[in-house]
Amino acid sequence: MKRAQFVAEQNAKLQQRVKELEKREAQIDLERKSLLIEREKLKAQSSTKHDYISTIQIDALRKELEEKVDELQSMDTLNQTLILKEHMSNFELQDARKELINGLQDIWNDQDLFGIKRMGEVDEKPFKGVCLKKFPNDWEVNAAELISLWQASVSNPIWHPFKTEFVDGKMQEVIDKGDSKLKELRSVWGEEVFKAVADALLELNDYNSSGRYVVPELWNFNERRKASLKEVIKYMIEELKTLKSYIPPELWNFNEGRKASLKEVIKNMIEELKTLKPLKRRR
């Protein structure tokens, strides 16, 4: 947890530093152009008037320009180094997030605050509820067919029931409630089923608009939003503290006698949870 927090804080500092460096680089470039213009003016003066003072000024200007160029090169080198570090930090965080998503899909269940939500997968509950009312004798078969039909429709890249409009001052794609297919769905099966399909469409449009296939995501079910890496790891540690009496205080690979990567620690924690906690898939 401390490692994840540290990486996140360092990443934020690096991004701020990169912005400052880019601003400084633009300023230096502007100054360099200005100095070059002044040097050319002084050169012209020196060649026409043979002014000794102008020659001294040109020499001083040339020296200042060389210093500015050196400074600019140093800043550029530092900038590239910071950008590389930022990319490495982002890669580590993304790698750790993938490890969590791959490892936790069968561990946490409906009783857990966090888990894996399949973005773009239609919620089955509204379909089951409406089919139970309409087809009390064979509602399960009808619900399964209806869910399969609409999941296929949601995943079909040809169907694009969206329109663009301003939302909070920004142009965004929203559900086109006037779409004939959605209007029929709403009319026949009701508001809750319509909302389940609309939510799945919006999720896929956000997470995988080109491929239109379901994407797993770390999710905070209590607050109905994407979960951060930090809060999921914190929750895992609390679970392990409950299920097991000992948690290693440092991110360390004791077998190899070296500092452990965030991905390694997460993978080890997942294996611990699988051993200590029954595997249940969220419905």
C-alpha atoms as a PDB file:
ATOM      1  CA  MET A   1       0.000   0.000   0.000  1.00  0.00           C
ATOM      2  CA  LYS A   2       2.788   2.407   0.904  1.00  0.00           C
ATOM      3  CA  ARG A   3       4.536   1.528  -2.338  1.00  0.00           C
ATOM      4  CA  ALA A   4       1.396   2.236  -4.404  1.00  0.00           C
ATOM      5  CA  GLN A   5       0.840   5.527  -2.618  1.00  0.00           C
ATOM      6  CA  PHE A   6       4.493   6.499  -3.098  1.00  0.00           C
ATOM      7  CA  VAL A   7       4.392   5.674  -6.819  1.00  0.00           C
ATOM      8  CA  ALA A   8       1.163   7.675  -7.255  1.00  0.00           C
ATOM      9  CA  GLU A   9       2.634  10.683  -5.443  1.00  0.00           C
ATOM     10  CA  GLN A  10       5.864  10.503  -7.439  1.00  0.00           C
ATOM     11  CA  ASN A  11       3.876  10.210 -10.649  1.00  0.00           C
ATOM     12  CA  ALA A  12       1.918  13.370  -9.785  1.00  0.00           C
ATOM     13  CA  LYS A  13       5.137  15.256  -8.969  1.00  0.00           C
ATOM     14  CA  LEU A  14       6.727  14.113 -12.226  1.00  0.00           C
ATOM     15  CA  GLN A  15       3.755  15.292 -14.263  1.00  0.00           C
ATOM     16  CA  GLN A  16       3.887  18.706 -12.588  1.00  0.00           C
ATOM     17  CA  ARG A  17       7.648  18.913 -13.158  1.00  0.00           C
ATOM     18  CA  VAL A  18       7.219  18.013 -16.836  1.00  0.00           C
ATOM     19  CA  LYS A  19       4.706  20.851 -17.268  1.00  0.00           C
ATOM     20  CA  GLU A  20       7.120  23.310 -15.631  1.00  0.00           C
ATOM     21  CA  LEU A  21       9.984  22.112 -17.826  1.00  0.00           C
ATOM     22  CA  GLU A  22       7.917  22.419 -21.000  1.00  0.00           C
ATOM     23  CA  LYS A  23       6.983  25.975 -20.044  1.00  0.00           C
ATOM     24  CA  ARG A  24      10.607  26.833 -19.266  1.00  0.00           C
ATOM     25  CA  GLU A  25      11.768  25.229 -22.514  1.00  0.00           C
ATOM     26  CA  ALA A  26       9.352  27.385 -24.518  1.00  0.00           C
ATOM     27  CA  GLN A  27      10.594  30.491 -22.691  1.00  0.00           C
ATOM     28  CA  ILE A  28      14.245  29.653 -23.373  1.00  0.00           C
ATOM     29  CA  ASP A  29      13.482  28.986 -27.029  1.00  0.00           C
ATOM     30  CA  LEU A  30      11.835  32.398 -27.290  1.00  0.00           C
ATOM     31  CA  GLU A  31      14.826  34.048 -25.627  1.00  0.00           C
ATOM     32  CA  ARG A  32      17.212  32.244 -27.976  1.00  0.00           C
ATOM     33  CA  LYS A  33      15.330  33.467 -31.032  1.00  0.00           C
ATOM     34  CA  SER A  34      15.384  37.009 -29.654  1.00  0.00           C
ATOM     35  CA  LEU A  35      19.115  36.809 -29.014  1.00  0.00           C
ATOM     36  CA  LEU A  36      19.770  35.543 -32.523  1.00  0.00           C
ATOM     37  CA  ILE A  37      17.858  38.482 -33.965  1.00  0.00           C
ATOM     38  CA  GLU A  38      19.840  40.927 -31.814  1.00  0.00           C
ATOM     39  CA  ARG A  39      23.106  39.288 -32.841  1.00  0.00           C
ATOM     40  CA  GLU A  40      22.273  39.669 -36.523  1.00  0.00           C
ATOM     41  CA  LYS A  41      21.444  43.330 -35.972  1.00  0.00           C
ATOM     42  CA  LEU A  42      24.731  43.922 -34.197  1.00  0.00           C
ATOM     43  CA  LYS A  43      26.624  42.060 -36.922  1.00  0.00           C
ATOM     44  CA  ALA A  44      25.096  44.349 -39.527  1.00  0.00           C
ATOM     45  CA  GLN A  45      26.072  47.386 -37.456  1.00  0.00           C
ATOM     46  CA  SER A  46      29.638  46.085 -37.073  1.00  0.00           C
ATOM     47  CA  SER A  47      30.129  45.428 -40.782  1.00  0.00           C
ATOM     48  CA  THR A  48      28.809  48.811 -41.915  1.00  0.00           C
ATOM     49  CA  LYS A  49      30.132  51.096 -39.207  1.00  0.00           C
ATOM     50  CA  HIS A  50      33.073  49.052 -37.904  1.00  0.00           C
ATOM     51  CA  ASP A  51      31.937  50.042 -34.469  1.00  0.00           C
ATOM     52  CA  TYR A  52      34.272  48.628 -31.867  1.00  0.00           C
ATOM     53  CA  ILE A  53      31.619  48.839 -29.145  1.00  0.00           C
ATOM     54  CA  SER A  54      29.208  46.829 -31.271  1.00  0.00           C
ATOM     55  CA  THR A  55      31.839  44.136 -31.736  1.00  0.00           C
ATOM     56  CA  ILE A  56      32.214  43.849 -27.960  1.00  0.00           C
ATOM     57  CA  GLN A  57      28.457  43.654 -27.630  1.00  0.00           C
ATOM     58  CA  ILE A  58      28.328  40.890 -30.227  1.00  0.00           C
ATOM     59  CA  ASP A  59      30.951  38.871 -28.366  1.00  0.00           C
ATOM     60  CA  ALA A  60      29.055  39.286 -25.098  1.00  0.00           C
ATOM     61  CA  LEU A  61      25.837  38.375 -26.838  1.00  0.00           C
ATOM     62  CA  ARG A  62      27.408  35.303 -28.418  1.00  0.00           C
ATOM     63  CA  LYS A  63      28.638  34.124 -25.042  1.00  0.00           C
ATOM     64  CA  GLU A  64      25.213  34.655 -23.495  1.00  0.00           C
ATOM     65  CA  LEU A  65      23.614  32.797 -26.370  1.00  0.00           C
ATOM     66  CA  GLU A  66      25.968  29.838 -25.946  1.00  0.00           C
ATOM     67  CA  GLU A  67      25.107  29.694 -22.240  1.00  0.00           C
ATOM     68  CA  LYS A  68      21.413  29.759 -23.052  1.00  0.00           C
ATOM     69  CA  VAL A  69      21.852  26.960 -25.595  1.00  0.00           C
ATOM     70  CA  ASP A  70      23.740  24.847 -23.039  1.00  0.00           C
ATOM     71  CA  GLU A  71      21.021  25.517 -20.484  1.00  0.00           C
ATOM     72  CA  LEU A  72      18.363  24.552 -22.978  1.00  0.00           C
ATOM     73  CA  GLN A  73      20.150  21.293 -23.799  1.00  0.00           C
ATOM     74  CA  SER A  74      20.470  20.456 -20.099  1.00  0.00           C
ATOM     75  CA  MET A  75      16.791  21.190 -19.558  1.00  0.00           C
ATOM     76  CA  ASP A  76      15.866  19.039 -22.539  1.00  0.00           C
ATOM     77  CA  THR A  77      17.932  16.131 -21.193  1.00  0.00           C
ATOM     78  CA  LEU A  78      16.300  16.457 -17.769  1.00  0.00           C
ATOM     79  CA  ASN A  79      12.887  16.699 -19.395  1.00  0.00           C
ATOM     80  CA  GLN A  80      13.424  13.474 -21.339  1.00  0.00           C
ATOM     81  CA  THR A  81      14.634  11.705 -18.194  1.00  0.00           C
ATOM     82  CA  LEU A  82      11.553  12.781 -16.228  1.00  0.00           C
ATOM     83  CA  ILE A  83       9.224  11.743 -19.048  1.00  0.00           C
ATOM     84  CA  LEU A  84      10.889   8.311 -19.149  1.00  0.00           C
ATOM     85  CA  LYS A  85      10.475   7.938 -15.367  1.00  0.00           C
ATOM     86  CA  GLU A  86       6.834   8.947 -15.646  1.00  0.00           C
ATOM     87  CA  HIS A  87       6.220   6.341 -18.350  1.00  0.00           C
ATOM     88  CA  MET A  88       7.901   3.677 -16.211  1.00  0.00           C
ATOM     89  CA  SER A  89       5.749   4.588 -13.202  1.00  0.00           C
ATOM     90  CA  ASN A  90       2.592   4.476 -15.302  1.00  0.00           C
ATOM     91  CA  PHE A  91       3.607   1.116 -16.736  1.00  0.00           C
ATOM     92  CA  GLU A  92       4.136  -0.317 -13.255  1.00  0.00           C
ATOM     93  CA  LEU A  93       0.730   0.940 -12.092  1.00  0.00           C
ATOM     94  CA  GLN A  94      -1.049  -0.439 -15.170  1.00  0.00           C
ATOM     95  CA  ASP A  95       0.758  -3.761 -14.816  1.00  0.00           C
ATOM     96  CA  ALA A  96      -0.285  -4.000 -11.158  1.00  0.00           C
ATOM     97  CA  ARG A  97      -3.898  -3.119 -12.053  1.00  0.00           C
ATOM     98  CA  LYS A  98      -3.998  -5.891 -14.687  1.00  0.00           C
ATOM     99  CA  GLU A  99      -2.640  -8.363 -12.147  1.00  0.00           C
ATOM    100  CA  LEU A 100      -5.435  -7.437  -9.721  1.00  0.00           C
ATOM    101  CA  ILE A 101      -8.125  -7.739 -12.385  1.00  0.00           C
ATOM    102  CA  ASN A 102      -6.836 -11.137 -13.557  1.00  0.00           C
ATOM    103  CA  GLY A 103      -6.434 -12.522 -10.050  1.00  0.00           C
ATOM    104  CA  LEU A 104      -9.511 -11.236  -8.210  1.00  0.00           C
ATOM    105  CA  GLN A 105     -12.292 -12.206 -10.618  1.00  0.00           C
ATOM    106  CA  ASP A 106     -13.201 -15.384  -8.712  1.00  0.00           C
ATOM    107  CA  ILE A 107     -12.384 -14.276  -5.146  1.00  0.00           C
ATOM    108  CA  TRP A 108     -14.647 -11.401  -4.172  1.00  0.00           C
ATOM    109  CA  ASN A 109     -18.434 -11.759  -4.150  1.00  0.00           C
ATOM    110  CA  ASP A 110     -21.576  -9.668  -3.570  1.00  0.00           C
ATOM    111  CA  GLN A 111     -20.668  -9.108   0.069  1.00  0.00           C
ATOM    112  CA  ASP A 112     -17.424  -7.331  -0.773  1.00  0.00           C
ATOM    113  CA  LEU A 113     -17.091  -3.573  -1.262  1.00  0.00           C
ATOM    114  CA  PHE A 114     -14.699  -4.025  -4.165  1.00  0.00           C
ATOM    115  CA  GLY A 115     -14.527  -6.454  -7.031  1.00  0.00           C
ATOM    116  CA  ILE A 116     -14.416  -6.864 -10.793  1.00  0.00           C
ATOM    117  CA  LYS A 117     -17.203  -5.311 -12.830  1.00  0.00           C
ATOM    118  CA  ARG A 118     -17.567  -6.452 -16.436  1.00  0.00           C
ATOM    119  CA  MET A 119     -18.000  -3.169 -18.264  1.00  0.00           C
ATOM    120  CA  GLY A 120     -20.531  -3.501 -21.072  1.00  0.00           C
ATOM    121  CA  GLU A 121     -22.262  -6.580 -19.663  1.00  0.00           C
ATOM    122  CA  VAL A 122     -26.024  -6.071 -19.282  1.00  0.00           C
ATOM    123  CA  ASP A 123     -27.383  -6.386 -15.756  1.00  0.00           C
ATOM    124  CA  GLU A 124     -29.385  -9.632 -15.618  1.00  0.00           C
ATOM    125  CA  LYS A 125     -31.624  -8.750 -12.641  1.00  0.00           C
ATOM    126  CA  PRO A 126     -34.128  -6.470 -14.476  1.00  0.00           C
ATOM    127  CA  PHE A 127     -34.569  -9.097 -17.216  1.00  0.00           C
ATOM    128  CA  LYS A 128     -35.176 -11.860 -14.678  1.00  0.00           C
ATOM    129  CA  GLY A 129     -37.614  -9.677 -12.743  1.00  0.00           C
ATOM    130  CA  VAL A 130     -39.772  -8.775 -15.729  1.00  0.00           C
ATOM    131  CA  CYS A 131     -39.735 -12.348 -17.103  1.00  0.00           C
ATOM    132  CA  LEU A 132     -40.808 -13.703 -13.711  1.00  0.00           C
ATOM    133  CA  LYS A 133     -43.914 -11.512 -13.934  1.00  0.00           C
ATOM    134  CA  LYS A 134     -44.690 -12.188 -17.603  1.00  0.00           C
ATOM    135  CA  PHE A 135     -43.723 -15.875 -17.776  1.00  0.00           C
ATOM    136  CA  PRO A 136     -44.084 -17.337 -14.245  1.00  0.00           C
ATOM    137  CA  ASN A 137     -43.870 -20.946 -15.459  1.00  0.00           C
ATOM    138  CA  ASP A 138     -40.763 -20.765 -17.635  1.00  0.00           C
ATOM    139  CA  TRP A 139     -39.300 -17.366 -16.757  1.00  0.00           C
ATOM    140  CA  GLU A 140     -35.712 -18.625 -16.548  1.00  0.00           C
ATOM    141  CA  VAL A 141     -35.617 -19.795 -20.181  1.00  0.00           C
ATOM    142  CA  ASN A 142     -37.231 -16.577 -21.438  1.00  0.00           C
ATOM    143  CA  ALA A 143     -34.898 -14.422 -19.324  1.00  0.00           C
ATOM    144  CA  ALA A 144     -31.807 -16.266 -20.601  1.00  0.00           C
ATOM    145  CA  GLU A 145     -32.899 -15.815 -24.220  1.00  0.00           C
ATOM    146  CA  LEU A 146     -33.691 -12.130 -23.701  1.00  0.00           C
ATOM    147  CA  ILE A 147     -30.375 -11.449 -21.945  1.00  0.00           C
ATOM    148  CA  SER A 148     -28.428 -13.245 -24.680  1.00  0.00           C
ATOM    149  CA  LEU A 149     -30.284 -11.324 -27.404  1.00  0.00           C
ATOM    150  CA  TRP A 150     -29.626  -7.897 -25.902  1.00  0.00           C
ATOM    151  CA  GLN A 151     -26.038  -8.647 -24.954  1.00  0.00           C
ATOM    152  CA  ALA A 152     -25.430  -9.508 -28.596  1.00  0.00           C
ATOM    153  CA  SER A 153     -27.111  -6.254 -29.665  1.00  0.00           C
ATOM    154  CA  VAL A 154     -25.026  -4.197 -27.237  1.00  0.00           C
ATOM    155  CA  SER A 155     -21.827  -5.849 -28.520  1.00  0.00           C
ATOM    156  CA  ASN A 156     -22.712  -5.256 -32.169  1.00  0.00           C
ATOM    157  CA  PRO A 157     -20.463  -2.412 -33.470  1.00  0.00           C
ATOM    158  CA  ILE A 158     -22.898  -1.716 -36.322  1.00  0.00           C
ATOM    159  CA  TRP A 159     -25.596  -0.594 -33.885  1.00  0.00           C
ATOM    160  CA  HIS A 160     -24.707   2.882 -32.597  1.00  0.00           C
ATOM    161  CA  PRO A 161     -27.697   4.371 -30.731  1.00  0.00           C
ATOM    162  CA  PHE A 162     -25.874   7.525 -29.599  1.00  0.00           C
ATOM    163  CA  LYS A 163     -26.095  11.238 -30.233  1.00  0.00           C
ATOM    164  CA  THR A 164     -23.792  14.113 -29.299  1.00  0.00           C
ATOM    165  CA  GLU A 165     -24.859  16.963 -27.043  1.00  0.00           C
ATOM    166  CA  PHE A 166     -23.383  19.336 -24.488  1.00  0.00           C
ATOM    167  CA  VAL A 167     -23.179  17.919 -20.947  1.00  0.00           C
ATOM    168  CA  ASP A 168     -21.706  20.191 -18.249  1.00  0.00           C
ATOM    169  CA  GLY A 169     -20.250  22.418 -20.956  1.00  0.00           C
ATOM    170  CA  LYS A 170     -18.574  19.540 -22.857  1.00  0.00           C
ATOM    171  CA  MET A 171     -19.634  17.791 -26.054  1.00  0.00           C
ATOM    172  CA  GLN A 172     -20.320  14.132 -25.198  1.00  0.00           C
ATOM    173  CA  GLU A 173     -21.982  11.075 -26.696  1.00  0.00           C
ATOM    174  CA  VAL A 174     -25.199  10.136 -24.901  1.00  0.00           C
ATOM    175  CA  ILE A 175     -27.892   7.494 -25.453  1.00  0.00           C
ATOM    176  CA  ASP A 176     -30.285   8.370 -28.258  1.00  0.00           C
ATOM    177  CA  LYS A 177     -33.608   7.608 -26.589  1.00  0.00           C
ATOM    178  CA  GLY A 178     -35.299   8.145 -29.950  1.00  0.00           C
ATOM    179  CA  ASP A 179     -33.561   5.097 -31.437  1.00  0.00           C
ATOM    180  CA  SER A 180     -36.315   2.802 -32.746  1.00  0.00           C
ATOM    181  CA  LYS A 181     -34.799  -0.342 -31.230  1.00  0.00           C
ATOM    182  CA  LEU A 182     -34.468   1.238 -27.780  1.00  0.00           C
ATOM    183  CA  LYS A 183     -37.959   2.739 -27.964  1.00  0.00           C
ATOM    184  CA  GLU A 184     -39.407  -0.698 -28.650  1.00  0.00           C
ATOM    185  CA  LEU A 185     -37.357  -2.227 -25.811  1.00  0.00           C
ATOM    186  CA  ARG A 186     -38.646   0.396 -23.394  1.00  0.00           C
ATOM    187  CA  SER A 187     -42.237   0.000 -24.531  1.00  0.00           C
ATOM    188  CA  VAL A 188     -42.304  -3.813 -24.362  1.00  0.00           C
ATOM    189  CA  TRP A 189     -40.026  -4.600 -21.405  1.00  0.00           C
ATOM    190  CA  GLY A 190     -40.111  -1.488 -19.233  1.00  0.00           C
ATOM    191  CA  GLU A 191     -37.832   1.175 -17.810  1.00  0.00           C
ATOM    192  CA  GLU A 192     -35.488  -1.040 -15.760  1.00  0.00           C
ATOM    193  CA  VAL A 193     -34.629  -3.313 -18.695  1.00  0.00           C
ATOM    194  CA  PHE A 194     -34.121  -0.246 -20.903  1.00  0.00           C
ATOM    195  CA  LYS A 195     -31.748   1.246 -18.302  1.00  0.00           C
ATOM    196  CA  ALA A 196     -29.744  -2.013 -18.075  1.00  0.00           C
ATOM    197  CA  VAL A 197     -29.170  -1.981 -21.849  1.00  0.00           C
ATOM    198  CA  ALA A 198     -28.464   1.781 -21.941  1.00  0.00           C
ATOM    199  CA  ASP A 199     -25.914   1.487 -19.107  1.00  0.00           C
ATOM    200  CA  ALA A 200     -24.141  -1.393 -20.859  1.00  0.00           C
ATOM    201  CA  LEU A 201     -24.022   0.631 -24.100  1.00  0.00           C
ATOM    202  CA  LEU A 202     -22.511   3.649 -22.326  1.00  0.00           C
ATOM    203  CA  GLU A 203     -19.911   1.473 -20.580  1.00  0.00           C
ATOM    204  CA  LEU A 204     -18.795  -0.140 -23.825  1.00  0.00           C
ATOM    205  CA  ASN A 205     -18.727   3.210 -25.595  1.00  0.00           C
ATOM    206  CA  ASP A 206     -16.435   4.498 -22.850  1.00  0.00           C
ATOM    207  CA  TYR A 207     -14.200   1.438 -22.395  1.00  0.00           C
ATOM    208  CA  ASN A 208     -14.159  -0.267 -25.788  1.00  0.00           C
ATOM    209  CA  SER A 209     -16.044   1.673 -28.441  1.00  0.00           C
ATOM    210  CA  SER A 210     -14.198   0.060 -31.372  1.00  0.00           C
ATOM    211  CA  GLY A 211     -14.148  -3.601 -30.305  1.00  0.00           C
ATOM    212  CA  ARG A 212     -17.466  -3.523 -28.408  1.00  0.00           C
ATOM    213  CA  TYR A 213     -16.621  -6.507 -26.202  1.00  0.00           C
ATOM    214  CA  VAL A 214     -16.893  -6.693 -22.412  1.00  0.00           C
ATOM    215  CA  VAL A 215     -13.913  -5.303 -20.462  1.00  0.00           C
ATOM    216  CA  PRO A 216     -13.187  -6.213 -16.792  1.00  0.00           C
ATOM    217  CA  GLU A 217     -12.516  -3.302 -14.437  1.00  0.00           C
ATOM    218  CA  LEU A 218     -11.697  -2.833 -10.752  1.00  0.00           C
ATOM    219  CA  TRP A 219     -14.896  -1.485  -9.236  1.00  0.00           C
ATOM    220  CA  ASN A 220     -16.100   0.176  -6.028  1.00  0.00           C
ATOM    221  CA  PHE A 221     -19.576  -1.352  -5.713  1.00  0.00           C
ATOM    222  CA  ASN A 222     -20.434   0.718  -2.661  1.00  0.00           C
ATOM    223  CA  GLU A 223     -19.938   4.027  -4.532  1.00  0.00           C
ATOM    224  CA  ARG A 224     -20.676   2.637  -8.039  1.00  0.00           C
ATOM    225  CA  ARG A 225     -17.477   3.868  -9.644  1.00  0.00           C
ATOM    226  CA  LYS A 226     -14.072   2.738 -10.898  1.00  0.00           C
ATOM    227  CA  ALA A 227     -11.868   1.777  -7.953  1.00  0.00           C
ATOM    228  CA  SER A 228      -8.371   3.147  -7.487  1.00  0.00           C
ATOM    229  CA  LEU A 229      -5.391   0.823  -7.151  1.00  0.00           C
ATOM    230  CA  LYS A 230      -4.678   2.260  -3.695  1.00  0.00           C
ATOM    231  CA  GLU A 231      -8.101   1.540  -2.205  1.00  0.00           C
ATOM    232  CA  VAL A 232      -8.240  -2.006  -3.602  1.00  0.00           C
ATOM    233  CA  ILE A 233      -4.814  -2.878  -2.184  1.00  0.00           C
ATOM    234  CA  LYS A 234      -5.816  -1.338   1.157  1.00  0.00           C
ATOM    235  CA  TYR A 235      -8.964  -3.487   1.193  1.00  0.00           C
ATOM    236  CA  MET A 236      -6.934  -6.598   0.351  1.00  0.00           C
ATOM    237  CA  ILE A 237      -4.556  -5.907   3.230  1.00  0.00           C
ATOM    238  CA  GLU A 238      -7.468  -5.515   5.647  1.00  0.00           C
ATOM    239  CA  GLU A 239      -8.898  -8.827   4.435  1.00  0.00           C
ATOM    240  CA  LEU A 240      -5.567 -10.564   4.892  1.00  0.00           C
ATOM    241  CA  LYS A 241      -5.221  -9.091   8.372  1.00  0.00           C
ATOM    242  CA  THR A 242      -8.575 -10.641   9.208  1.00  0.00           C
ATOM    243  CA  LEU A 243      -7.859 -13.996   7.591  1.00  0.00           C
ATOM    244  CA  LYS A 244      -4.191 -14.242   8.567  1.00  0.00           C
ATOM    245  CA  SER A 245      -2.237 -13.044  11.573  1.00  0.00           C
ATOM    246  CA  TYR A 246       0.874 -11.820   9.758  1.00  0.00           C
ATOM    247  CA  ILE A 247       1.418  -9.323   6.928  1.00  0.00           C
ATOM    248  CA  PRO A 248       4.977  -8.555   5.728  1.00  0.00           C
ATOM    249  CA  PRO A 249       5.722  -4.904   6.607  1.00  0.00           C
ATOM    250  CA  GLU A 250       7.903  -4.234   3.561  1.00  0.00           C
ATOM    251  CA  LEU A 251       7.678  -4.892  -0.175  1.00  0.00           C
ATOM    252  CA  TRP A 252      10.488  -7.443  -0.261  1.00  0.00           C
ATOM    253  CA  ASN A 253      11.257 -10.654  -2.130  1.00  0.00           C
ATOM    254  CA  PHE A 254      12.804 -12.744   0.631  1.00  0.00           C
ATOM    255  CA  ASN A 255      13.512 -15.727  -1.653  1.00  0.00           C
ATOM    256  CA  GLU A 256      15.693 -13.653  -3.950  1.00  0.00           C
ATOM    257  CA  GLY A 257      16.885 -11.136  -1.349  1.00  0.00           C
ATOM    258  CA  ARG A 258      15.747  -8.055  -3.243  1.00  0.00           C
ATOM    259  CA  LYS A 259      13.099  -5.364  -3.342  1.00  0.00           C
ATOM    260  CA  ALA A 260       9.790  -6.761  -4.646  1.00  0.00           C
ATOM    261  CA  SER A 261       7.820  -5.185  -7.467  1.00  0.00           C
ATOM    262  CA  LEU A 262       4.261  -4.009  -6.883  1.00  0.00           C
ATOM    263  CA  LYS A 263       2.999  -6.671  -9.295  1.00  0.00           C
ATOM    264  CA  GLU A 264       4.802  -9.453  -7.380  1.00  0.00           C
ATOM    265  CA  VAL A 265       3.310  -8.353  -4.055  1.00  0.00           C
ATOM    266  CA  ILE A 266      -0.190  -8.129  -5.507  1.00  0.00           C
ATOM    267  CA  LYS A 267       0.146 -11.569  -7.087  1.00  0.00           C
ATOM    268  CA  ASN A 268       1.278 -13.028  -3.749  1.00  0.00           C
ATOM    269  CA  MET A 269      -1.642 -11.362  -1.918  1.00  0.00           C
ATOM    270  CA  ILE A 270      -4.103 -12.795  -4.453  1.00  0.00           C
ATOM    271  CA  GLU A 271      -2.718 -16.304  -3.922  1.00  0.00           C
ATOM    272  CA  GLU A 272      -3.059 -15.826  -0.144  1.00  0.00           C
ATOM    273  CA  LEU A 273      -6.695 -14.750  -0.530  1.00  0.00           C
ATOM    274  CA  LYS A 274      -7.434 -17.718  -2.796  1.00  0.00           C
ATOM    275  CA  THR A 275      -6.059 -20.050  -0.122  1.00  0.00           C
ATOM    276  CA  LEU A 276      -7.845 -18.419   2.801  1.00  0.00           C
ATOM    277  CA  LYS A 277     -11.159 -17.400   1.233  1.00  0.00           C
ATOM    278  CA  PRO A 278     -13.738 -19.520  -0.670  1.00  0.00           C
ATOM    279  CA  LEU A 279     -13.936 -18.675  -4.370  1.00  0.00           C
ATOM    280  CA  LYS A 280     -17.265 -17.091  -5.380  1.00  0.00           C
ATOM    281  CA  ARG A 281     -18.103 -15.304  -8.597  1.00  0.00           C
ATOM    282  CA  ARG A 282     -20.099 -12.081  -8.414  1.00  0.00           C
ATOM    283  CA  ARG A 283     -23.465 -12.285 -10.147  1.00  0.00           C
END
